[in-house]
Amino acid sequence: MENTYFDESFLERPSNLDELKKELINLNQRLEKEKDSLRIIDLNLNIGRCSRVLNLCEQSEPNLLCAYDQAKQYKYADLFFSASKELGILYFIQKRYIKADEYLLKCVKISNKTQQYKDQLAKVFLYMALSKKDQKQISYAKDYTQKAVELSIEMGKLDLLEVCKKFLQTI
């Protein structure tokens, strides 16, 4: 589900709406039949992510919370990081900034312990910047955006770099 772009509001949108809707149906059908705990977590995470990108936020939250809770319970660090990131983004979209910041900061704390999440951290910093801007905390928004820019350059994420540069112009 990497075929997304950032719209003028700096939110992720699907490049192919119909394809993502079909993927969401497929994921839900697979979830109904799945028995393996790791696959169930991954399916819930992907359903939540797809629902978020499709702006189906009320449908997204239960799946993401399920993925988060189970990843935490079974100590699946990768899935826990991803579920935290997705919940942070979702809560930002819903303008639930305290929760958004809480989950996004969990990602930063996790990534401080290991480098394996560094490639996803630029997006986390971008959403932290968006959240702080909406909360009128402009200096934090600029700081987080600068971190997102630096990581985007370091990790070669040129599309995200362009989004960060556009966002900086709005602060």
N, C-alpha and C. Protein backbone atom coordinates (compact mmCIF):
# COMPACT_ATOMS: atom_id res chain seq x y z
N MET A 1 0.82 -1.18 0.00
CA MET A 1 0.00 0.00 0.00
C MET A 1 0.87 1.25 0.00
N GLU A 2 1.92 1.21 -0.72
CA GLU A 2 2.83 2.35 -0.77
C GLU A 2 2.46 3.35 -1.86
N ASN A 3 1.44 3.07 -2.62
CA ASN A 3 1.05 3.96 -3.71
C ASN A 3 0.17 5.09 -3.20
N THR A 4 0.81 6.00 -2.46
CA THR A 4 0.11 7.15 -1.92
C THR A 4 0.86 8.42 -2.29
N TYR A 5 0.18 9.53 -2.14
CA TYR A 5 0.81 10.83 -2.31
C TYR A 5 0.26 11.75 -1.23
N PHE A 6 0.92 12.87 -0.99
CA PHE A 6 0.46 13.84 -0.03
C PHE A 6 -0.33 14.91 -0.77
N ASP A 7 -1.56 15.18 -0.31
CA ASP A 7 -2.38 16.20 -0.95
C ASP A 7 -1.98 17.59 -0.45
N GLU A 8 -2.74 18.61 -0.87
CA GLU A 8 -2.41 19.99 -0.51
C GLU A 8 -2.54 20.26 0.99
N SER A 9 -3.23 19.39 1.71
CA SER A 9 -3.36 19.51 3.17
C SER A 9 -2.31 18.68 3.89
N PHE A 10 -1.39 18.09 3.13
CA PHE A 10 -0.31 17.26 3.66
C PHE A 10 -0.82 15.96 4.27
N LEU A 11 -1.90 15.44 3.72
CA LEU A 11 -2.43 14.14 4.13
C LEU A 11 -2.19 13.14 3.02
N GLU A 12 -1.95 11.89 3.41
CA GLU A 12 -1.74 10.84 2.42
C GLU A 12 -3.06 10.48 1.75
N ARG A 13 -3.00 10.32 0.46
CA ARG A 13 -4.15 9.92 -0.32
C ARG A 13 -3.72 8.80 -1.28
N PRO A 14 -4.66 7.95 -1.68
CA PRO A 14 -4.29 6.85 -2.58
C PRO A 14 -4.04 7.35 -4.00
N SER A 15 -3.02 6.80 -4.62
CA SER A 15 -2.77 7.11 -6.03
C SER A 15 -3.84 6.49 -6.90
N ASN A 16 -4.33 5.32 -6.49
CA ASN A 16 -5.39 4.64 -7.24
C ASN A 16 -6.49 4.26 -6.25
N LEU A 17 -7.53 5.06 -6.22
CA LEU A 17 -8.62 4.88 -5.26
C LEU A 17 -9.29 3.52 -5.38
N ASP A 18 -9.63 3.13 -6.59
CA ASP A 18 -10.32 1.85 -6.79
C ASP A 18 -9.46 0.66 -6.36
N GLU A 19 -8.19 0.73 -6.67
CA GLU A 19 -7.27 -0.35 -6.29
C GLU A 19 -7.18 -0.48 -4.77
N LEU A 20 -7.13 0.64 -4.07
CA LEU A 20 -7.04 0.60 -2.62
C LEU A 20 -8.34 0.09 -1.99
N LYS A 21 -9.46 0.45 -2.56
CA LYS A 21 -10.75 -0.06 -2.06
C LYS A 21 -10.81 -1.58 -2.22
N LYS A 22 -10.34 -2.09 -3.36
CA LYS A 22 -10.31 -3.54 -3.57
C LYS A 22 -9.35 -4.21 -2.59
N GLU A 23 -8.22 -3.58 -2.35
CA GLU A 23 -7.25 -4.14 -1.40
C GLU A 23 -7.86 -4.21 0.00
N LEU A 24 -8.61 -3.19 0.38
CA LEU A 24 -9.25 -3.17 1.70
C LEU A 24 -10.26 -4.31 1.83
N ILE A 25 -11.04 -4.56 0.81
CA ILE A 25 -12.00 -5.67 0.82
C ILE A 25 -11.25 -7.00 0.96
N ASN A 26 -10.20 -7.15 0.19
CA ASN A 26 -9.39 -8.37 0.22
C ASN A 26 -8.79 -8.59 1.62
N LEU A 27 -8.25 -7.54 2.22
CA LEU A 27 -7.66 -7.65 3.55
C LEU A 27 -8.70 -8.06 4.59
N ASN A 28 -9.89 -7.48 4.50
CA ASN A 28 -10.96 -7.84 5.45
C ASN A 28 -11.38 -9.29 5.28
N GLN A 29 -11.44 -9.76 4.05
CA GLN A 29 -11.80 -11.16 3.81
C GLN A 29 -10.73 -12.09 4.37
N ARG A 30 -9.49 -11.74 4.19
CA ARG A 30 -8.39 -12.56 4.71
C ARG A 30 -8.40 -12.58 6.24
N LEU A 31 -8.71 -11.44 6.86
CA LEU A 31 -8.75 -11.36 8.31
C LEU A 31 -9.80 -12.30 8.90
N GLU A 32 -10.94 -12.40 8.24
CA GLU A 32 -12.02 -13.27 8.72
C GLU A 32 -11.58 -14.73 8.81
N LYS A 33 -10.66 -15.13 7.95
CA LYS A 33 -10.25 -16.54 7.88
C LYS A 33 -8.95 -16.83 8.63
N GLU A 34 -8.21 -15.80 8.97
CA GLU A 34 -6.86 -15.99 9.52
C GLU A 34 -6.89 -16.49 10.97
N LYS A 35 -5.95 -17.37 11.28
CA LYS A 35 -5.82 -17.94 12.63
C LYS A 35 -4.49 -17.55 13.29
N ASP A 36 -3.46 -17.30 12.50
CA ASP A 36 -2.13 -17.01 13.01
C ASP A 36 -2.06 -15.60 13.61
N SER A 37 -1.58 -15.49 14.85
CA SER A 37 -1.60 -14.21 15.57
C SER A 37 -0.76 -13.14 14.87
N LEU A 38 0.40 -13.50 14.36
CA LEU A 38 1.24 -12.52 13.68
C LEU A 38 0.56 -11.99 12.43
N ARG A 39 -0.04 -12.87 11.65
CA ARG A 39 -0.75 -12.43 10.43
C ARG A 39 -1.98 -11.60 10.77
N ILE A 40 -2.65 -11.93 11.87
CA ILE A 40 -3.83 -11.16 12.28
C ILE A 40 -3.41 -9.73 12.63
N ILE A 41 -2.30 -9.59 13.34
CA ILE A 41 -1.81 -8.25 13.67
C ILE A 41 -1.48 -7.48 12.40
N ASP A 42 -0.76 -8.13 11.50
CA ASP A 42 -0.37 -7.48 10.25
C ASP A 42 -1.60 -7.10 9.42
N LEU A 43 -2.58 -7.98 9.35
CA LEU A 43 -3.80 -7.67 8.60
C LEU A 43 -4.55 -6.50 9.22
N ASN A 44 -4.68 -6.49 10.56
CA ASN A 44 -5.33 -5.35 11.22
C ASN A 44 -4.59 -4.05 10.96
N LEU A 45 -3.28 -4.12 11.00
CA LEU A 45 -2.47 -2.93 10.71
C LEU A 45 -2.72 -2.43 9.29
N ASN A 46 -2.70 -3.34 8.33
CA ASN A 46 -2.90 -2.94 6.93
C ASN A 46 -4.32 -2.45 6.67
N ILE A 47 -5.31 -3.08 7.31
CA ILE A 47 -6.69 -2.61 7.18
C ILE A 47 -6.81 -1.20 7.76
N GLY A 48 -6.22 -0.99 8.92
CA GLY A 48 -6.24 0.33 9.53
C GLY A 48 -5.57 1.38 8.69
N ARG A 49 -4.42 1.04 8.11
CA ARG A 49 -3.68 1.97 7.25
C ARG A 49 -4.48 2.29 5.99
N CYS A 50 -5.01 1.26 5.34
CA CYS A 50 -5.82 1.49 4.13
C CYS A 50 -7.04 2.34 4.45
N SER A 51 -7.70 2.03 5.54
CA SER A 51 -8.89 2.79 5.93
C SER A 51 -8.53 4.25 6.20
N ARG A 52 -7.39 4.47 6.85
CA ARG A 52 -6.95 5.85 7.12
C ARG A 52 -6.70 6.61 5.83
N VAL A 53 -6.00 5.98 4.90
CA VAL A 53 -5.69 6.65 3.64
C VAL A 53 -6.97 6.92 2.84
N LEU A 54 -7.95 6.04 2.99
CA LEU A 54 -9.25 6.25 2.33
C LEU A 54 -10.15 7.22 3.11
N ASN A 55 -9.62 7.75 4.21
CA ASN A 55 -10.34 8.68 5.08
C ASN A 55 -11.55 8.03 5.75
N LEU A 56 -11.42 6.75 6.06
CA LEU A 56 -12.44 6.01 6.80
C LEU A 56 -11.93 5.86 8.24
N CYS A 57 -11.78 6.99 8.90
CA CYS A 57 -11.09 7.03 10.19
C CYS A 57 -11.79 6.21 11.27
N GLU A 58 -13.13 6.23 11.29
CA GLU A 58 -13.84 5.46 12.32
C GLU A 58 -13.63 3.96 12.13
N GLN A 59 -13.45 3.54 10.89
CA GLN A 59 -13.18 2.13 10.62
C GLN A 59 -11.71 1.79 10.91
N SER A 60 -10.85 2.76 10.77
CA SER A 60 -9.43 2.55 10.93
C SER A 60 -9.03 2.31 12.39
N GLU A 61 -9.58 3.09 13.29
CA GLU A 61 -9.14 3.07 14.68
C GLU A 61 -9.24 1.70 15.35
N PRO A 62 -10.37 0.98 15.26
CA PRO A 62 -10.44 -0.33 15.94
C PRO A 62 -9.38 -1.32 15.46
N ASN A 63 -9.13 -1.33 14.15
CA ASN A 63 -8.12 -2.24 13.61
C ASN A 63 -6.72 -1.85 14.09
N LEU A 64 -6.43 -0.55 14.09
CA LEU A 64 -5.11 -0.11 14.54
C LEU A 64 -4.91 -0.36 16.03
N LEU A 65 -5.94 -0.12 16.82
CA LEU A 65 -5.83 -0.39 18.26
C LEU A 65 -5.63 -1.88 18.53
N CYS A 66 -6.32 -2.70 17.76
CA CYS A 66 -6.16 -4.15 17.90
C CYS A 66 -4.72 -4.55 17.56
N ALA A 67 -4.21 -4.04 16.45
CA ALA A 67 -2.84 -4.33 16.05
C ALA A 67 -1.85 -3.85 17.10
N TYR A 68 -2.07 -2.65 17.61
CA TYR A 68 -1.20 -2.06 18.63
C TYR A 68 -1.18 -2.94 19.89
N ASP A 69 -2.37 -3.26 20.40
CA ASP A 69 -2.46 -4.04 21.64
C ASP A 69 -1.84 -5.43 21.48
N GLN A 70 -2.12 -6.08 20.37
CA GLN A 70 -1.58 -7.43 20.18
C GLN A 70 -0.08 -7.41 19.92
N ALA A 71 0.39 -6.41 19.17
CA ALA A 71 1.83 -6.31 18.93
C ALA A 71 2.57 -6.06 20.24
N LYS A 72 1.96 -5.27 21.10
CA LYS A 72 2.55 -5.01 22.42
C LYS A 72 2.54 -6.28 23.26
N GLN A 73 1.42 -6.98 23.25
CA GLN A 73 1.27 -8.21 24.04
C GLN A 73 2.28 -9.27 23.62
N TYR A 74 2.44 -9.47 22.30
CA TYR A 74 3.32 -10.51 21.80
C TYR A 74 4.76 -10.02 21.57
N LYS A 75 5.00 -8.73 21.87
CA LYS A 75 6.33 -8.13 21.75
C LYS A 75 6.87 -8.18 20.31
N TYR A 76 6.01 -7.86 19.35
CA TYR A 76 6.42 -7.73 17.95
C TYR A 76 6.81 -6.27 17.72
N ALA A 77 8.09 -5.97 17.86
CA ALA A 77 8.56 -4.59 17.84
C ALA A 77 8.23 -3.87 16.53
N ASP A 78 8.44 -4.52 15.39
CA ASP A 78 8.18 -3.86 14.11
C ASP A 78 6.72 -3.46 13.98
N LEU A 79 5.84 -4.39 14.32
CA LEU A 79 4.41 -4.12 14.20
C LEU A 79 3.96 -3.10 15.25
N PHE A 80 4.57 -3.12 16.43
CA PHE A 80 4.26 -2.14 17.47
C PHE A 80 4.64 -0.74 17.00
N PHE A 81 5.82 -0.61 16.41
CA PHE A 81 6.26 0.68 15.87
C PHE A 81 5.28 1.16 14.81
N SER A 82 4.95 0.28 13.86
CA SER A 82 4.05 0.67 12.76
C SER A 82 2.66 1.03 13.26
N ALA A 83 2.14 0.26 14.21
CA ALA A 83 0.81 0.56 14.76
C ALA A 83 0.83 1.89 15.51
N SER A 84 1.90 2.16 16.24
CA SER A 84 2.03 3.44 16.94
C SER A 84 2.05 4.59 15.95
N LYS A 85 2.80 4.42 14.88
CA LYS A 85 2.89 5.47 13.85
C LYS A 85 1.52 5.71 13.21
N GLU A 86 0.86 4.64 12.84
CA GLU A 86 -0.45 4.77 12.19
C GLU A 86 -1.48 5.39 13.12
N LEU A 87 -1.47 5.01 14.40
CA LEU A 87 -2.40 5.62 15.36
C LEU A 87 -2.09 7.11 15.53
N GLY A 88 -0.82 7.45 15.59
CA GLY A 88 -0.44 8.86 15.69
C GLY A 88 -0.94 9.68 14.51
N ILE A 89 -0.78 9.13 13.31
CA ILE A 89 -1.25 9.81 12.11
C ILE A 89 -2.78 9.93 12.13
N LEU A 90 -3.44 8.83 12.48
CA LEU A 90 -4.90 8.84 12.54
C LEU A 90 -5.41 9.88 13.52
N TYR A 91 -4.84 9.93 14.71
CA TYR A 91 -5.29 10.88 15.72
C TYR A 91 -4.99 12.32 15.29
N PHE A 92 -3.90 12.52 14.55
CA PHE A 92 -3.65 13.86 14.00
C PHE A 92 -4.78 14.25 13.04
N ILE A 93 -5.12 13.35 12.15
CA ILE A 93 -6.19 13.62 11.17
C ILE A 93 -7.49 13.97 11.89
N GLN A 94 -7.74 13.28 13.00
CA GLN A 94 -8.96 13.51 13.77
C GLN A 94 -8.84 14.72 14.70
N LYS A 95 -7.70 15.39 14.64
CA LYS A 95 -7.43 16.56 15.48
C LYS A 95 -7.44 16.22 16.98
N ARG A 96 -7.04 15.00 17.27
CA ARG A 96 -6.87 14.55 18.66
C ARG A 96 -5.37 14.63 18.96
N TYR A 97 -4.91 15.86 19.11
CA TYR A 97 -3.47 16.14 19.10
C TYR A 97 -2.71 15.52 20.26
N ILE A 98 -3.29 15.48 21.44
CA ILE A 98 -2.57 14.90 22.58
C ILE A 98 -2.29 13.42 22.32
N LYS A 99 -3.30 12.71 21.82
CA LYS A 99 -3.10 11.29 21.50
C LYS A 99 -2.13 11.13 20.33
N ALA A 100 -2.27 12.00 19.32
CA ALA A 100 -1.36 11.94 18.17
C ALA A 100 0.08 12.08 18.62
N ASP A 101 0.33 13.10 19.42
CA ASP A 101 1.69 13.35 19.89
C ASP A 101 2.20 12.18 20.74
N GLU A 102 1.32 11.62 21.56
CA GLU A 102 1.71 10.50 22.42
C GLU A 102 2.19 9.30 21.60
N TYR A 103 1.42 8.93 20.57
CA TYR A 103 1.80 7.76 19.78
C TYR A 103 3.00 8.04 18.88
N LEU A 104 3.07 9.24 18.32
CA LEU A 104 4.22 9.57 17.49
C LEU A 104 5.50 9.63 18.31
N LEU A 105 5.41 10.14 19.53
CA LEU A 105 6.59 10.16 20.41
C LEU A 105 7.05 8.76 20.79
N LYS A 106 6.11 7.81 20.87
CA LYS A 106 6.51 6.42 21.12
C LYS A 106 7.43 5.93 20.00
N CYS A 107 7.11 6.32 18.78
CA CYS A 107 7.95 5.93 17.64
C CYS A 107 9.35 6.52 17.77
N VAL A 108 9.44 7.77 18.18
CA VAL A 108 10.75 8.41 18.34
C VAL A 108 11.54 7.69 19.43
N LYS A 109 10.88 7.38 20.56
CA LYS A 109 11.58 6.68 21.65
C LYS A 109 12.06 5.31 21.21
N ILE A 110 11.22 4.59 20.46
CA ILE A 110 11.62 3.27 19.97
C ILE A 110 12.81 3.41 19.03
N SER A 111 12.75 4.39 18.13
CA SER A 111 13.82 4.53 17.14
C SER A 111 15.12 5.01 17.76
N ASN A 112 15.05 5.65 18.92
CA ASN A 112 16.28 6.04 19.61
C ASN A 112 17.06 4.84 20.11
N LYS A 113 16.37 3.71 20.28
CA LYS A 113 17.01 2.49 20.78
C LYS A 113 17.60 1.65 19.66
N THR A 114 17.10 1.82 18.45
CA THR A 114 17.57 1.02 17.32
C THR A 114 17.44 1.82 16.03
N GLN A 115 18.32 1.54 15.10
CA GLN A 115 18.33 2.27 13.83
C GLN A 115 17.37 1.69 12.79
N GLN A 116 16.77 0.54 13.08
CA GLN A 116 16.00 -0.14 12.04
C GLN A 116 14.74 0.61 11.60
N TYR A 117 14.28 1.57 12.39
CA TYR A 117 13.06 2.31 12.04
C TYR A 117 13.36 3.68 11.45
N LYS A 118 14.63 3.95 11.23
CA LYS A 118 15.06 5.26 10.77
C LYS A 118 14.38 5.67 9.46
N ASP A 119 14.15 4.71 8.57
CA ASP A 119 13.54 5.04 7.29
C ASP A 119 12.10 5.50 7.43
N GLN A 120 11.43 5.14 8.52
CA GLN A 120 10.04 5.55 8.74
C GLN A 120 9.94 6.81 9.60
N LEU A 121 11.04 7.18 10.20
CA LEU A 121 11.03 8.27 11.17
C LEU A 121 10.79 9.63 10.54
N ALA A 122 11.19 9.83 9.29
CA ALA A 122 10.97 11.12 8.63
C ALA A 122 9.46 11.42 8.56
N LYS A 123 8.67 10.42 8.24
CA LYS A 123 7.22 10.61 8.18
C LYS A 123 6.66 10.90 9.57
N VAL A 124 7.19 10.23 10.59
CA VAL A 124 6.76 10.48 11.97
C VAL A 124 7.04 11.94 12.32
N PHE A 125 8.24 12.42 12.01
CA PHE A 125 8.59 13.81 12.31
C PHE A 125 7.70 14.79 11.54
N LEU A 126 7.37 14.46 10.29
CA LEU A 126 6.49 15.34 9.52
C LEU A 126 5.13 15.47 10.20
N TYR A 127 4.56 14.34 10.62
CA TYR A 127 3.26 14.41 11.28
C TYR A 127 3.34 15.08 12.65
N MET A 128 4.47 14.94 13.34
CA MET A 128 4.64 15.67 14.59
C MET A 128 4.67 17.17 14.30
N ALA A 129 5.32 17.55 13.22
CA ALA A 129 5.37 18.97 12.83
C ALA A 129 3.97 19.48 12.48
N LEU A 130 3.23 18.69 11.73
CA LEU A 130 1.85 19.08 11.37
C LEU A 130 1.00 19.27 12.63
N SER A 131 1.14 18.35 13.56
CA SER A 131 0.39 18.43 14.81
C SER A 131 0.77 19.69 15.59
N LYS A 132 2.05 19.95 15.70
CA LYS A 132 2.51 21.11 16.46
C LYS A 132 2.08 22.42 15.78
N LYS A 133 2.07 22.44 14.47
CA LYS A 133 1.61 23.65 13.77
C LYS A 133 0.14 23.89 14.09
N ASP A 134 -0.67 22.85 14.02
CA ASP A 134 -2.09 22.99 14.33
C ASP A 134 -2.32 23.43 15.77
N GLN A 135 -1.39 23.07 16.66
CA GLN A 135 -1.49 23.46 18.06
C GLN A 135 -0.83 24.83 18.31
N LYS A 136 -0.43 25.50 17.24
CA LYS A 136 0.20 26.83 17.31
C LYS A 136 1.54 26.80 18.04
N GLN A 137 2.21 25.66 18.00
CA GLN A 137 3.55 25.54 18.59
C GLN A 137 4.57 25.56 17.45
N ILE A 138 4.73 26.74 16.88
CA ILE A 138 5.46 26.91 15.63
C ILE A 138 6.93 26.52 15.74
N SER A 139 7.59 26.86 16.84
CA SER A 139 9.01 26.51 16.94
C SER A 139 9.20 24.99 16.93
N TYR A 140 8.30 24.26 17.61
CA TYR A 140 8.36 22.80 17.57
C TYR A 140 8.07 22.28 16.16
N ALA A 141 7.10 22.90 15.51
CA ALA A 141 6.76 22.49 14.14
C ALA A 141 7.97 22.64 13.22
N LYS A 142 8.67 23.74 13.35
CA LYS A 142 9.87 23.96 12.52
C LYS A 142 10.97 22.95 12.85
N ASP A 143 11.17 22.70 14.15
CA ASP A 143 12.20 21.74 14.56
C ASP A 143 11.91 20.34 14.01
N TYR A 144 10.67 19.90 14.17
CA TYR A 144 10.31 18.56 13.68
C TYR A 144 10.39 18.49 12.15
N THR A 145 10.01 19.56 11.49
CA THR A 145 10.11 19.56 10.03
C THR A 145 11.56 19.49 9.59
N GLN A 146 12.44 20.20 10.29
CA GLN A 146 13.86 20.15 9.96
C GLN A 146 14.41 18.74 10.14
N LYS A 147 13.98 18.07 11.21
CA LYS A 147 14.40 16.68 11.41
C LYS A 147 13.88 15.79 10.28
N ALA A 148 12.65 16.03 9.85
CA ALA A 148 12.07 15.26 8.74
C ALA A 148 12.85 15.51 7.45
N VAL A 149 13.24 16.75 7.22
CA VAL A 149 14.03 17.10 6.03
C VAL A 149 15.37 16.37 6.06
N GLU A 150 16.06 16.45 7.20
CA GLU A 150 17.38 15.82 7.32
C GLU A 150 17.30 14.31 7.11
N LEU A 151 16.31 13.67 7.72
CA LEU A 151 16.17 12.22 7.55
C LEU A 151 15.75 11.86 6.13
N SER A 152 14.91 12.68 5.52
CA SER A 152 14.49 12.42 4.13
C SER A 152 15.70 12.45 3.20
N ILE A 153 16.58 13.41 3.43
CA ILE A 153 17.81 13.49 2.62
C ILE A 153 18.69 12.27 2.89
N GLU A 154 18.92 11.99 4.16
CA GLU A 154 19.79 10.88 4.54
C GLU A 154 19.28 9.54 3.99
N MET A 155 17.96 9.34 4.04
CA MET A 155 17.38 8.06 3.62
C MET A 155 17.01 8.04 2.14
N GLY A 156 17.22 9.15 1.44
CA GLY A 156 16.92 9.20 0.01
C GLY A 156 15.43 9.22 -0.31
N LYS A 157 14.64 9.75 0.60
CA LYS A 157 13.19 9.82 0.40
C LYS A 157 12.86 11.18 -0.21
N LEU A 158 13.07 11.30 -1.51
CA LEU A 158 12.95 12.58 -2.18
C LEU A 158 11.52 13.09 -2.26
N ASP A 159 10.55 12.20 -2.40
CA ASP A 159 9.15 12.63 -2.42
C ASP A 159 8.76 13.26 -1.09
N LEU A 160 9.16 12.61 -0.01
CA LEU A 160 8.85 13.14 1.32
C LEU A 160 9.62 14.43 1.57
N LEU A 161 10.82 14.53 1.05
CA LEU A 161 11.61 15.76 1.17
C LEU A 161 10.86 16.93 0.55
N GLU A 162 10.29 16.72 -0.63
CA GLU A 162 9.53 17.79 -1.29
C GLU A 162 8.31 18.20 -0.48
N VAL A 163 7.64 17.22 0.11
CA VAL A 163 6.48 17.52 0.96
C VAL A 163 6.92 18.35 2.16
N CYS A 164 8.03 17.98 2.76
CA CYS A 164 8.56 18.72 3.92
C CYS A 164 8.91 20.17 3.53
N LYS A 165 9.51 20.33 2.38
CA LYS A 165 9.88 21.69 1.93
C LYS A 165 8.63 22.52 1.71
N LYS A 166 7.60 21.94 1.10
CA LYS A 166 6.33 22.66 0.90
C LYS A 166 5.70 23.02 2.24
N PHE A 167 5.75 22.09 3.18
CA PHE A 167 5.18 22.36 4.50
C PHE A 167 5.92 23.48 5.20
N LEU A 168 7.26 23.50 5.11
CA LEU A 168 8.04 24.56 5.73
C LEU A 168 7.59 25.94 5.25
N GLN A 169 7.19 26.04 4.00
CA GLN A 169 6.73 27.32 3.46
C GLN A 169 5.42 27.78 4.07
N THR A 170 4.67 26.86 4.70
CA THR A 170 3.39 27.23 5.28
C THR A 170 3.48 27.61 6.76
N ILE A 171 4.65 27.39 7.34
CA ILE A 171 4.81 27.70 8.78
C ILE A 171 5.11 29.18 8.96
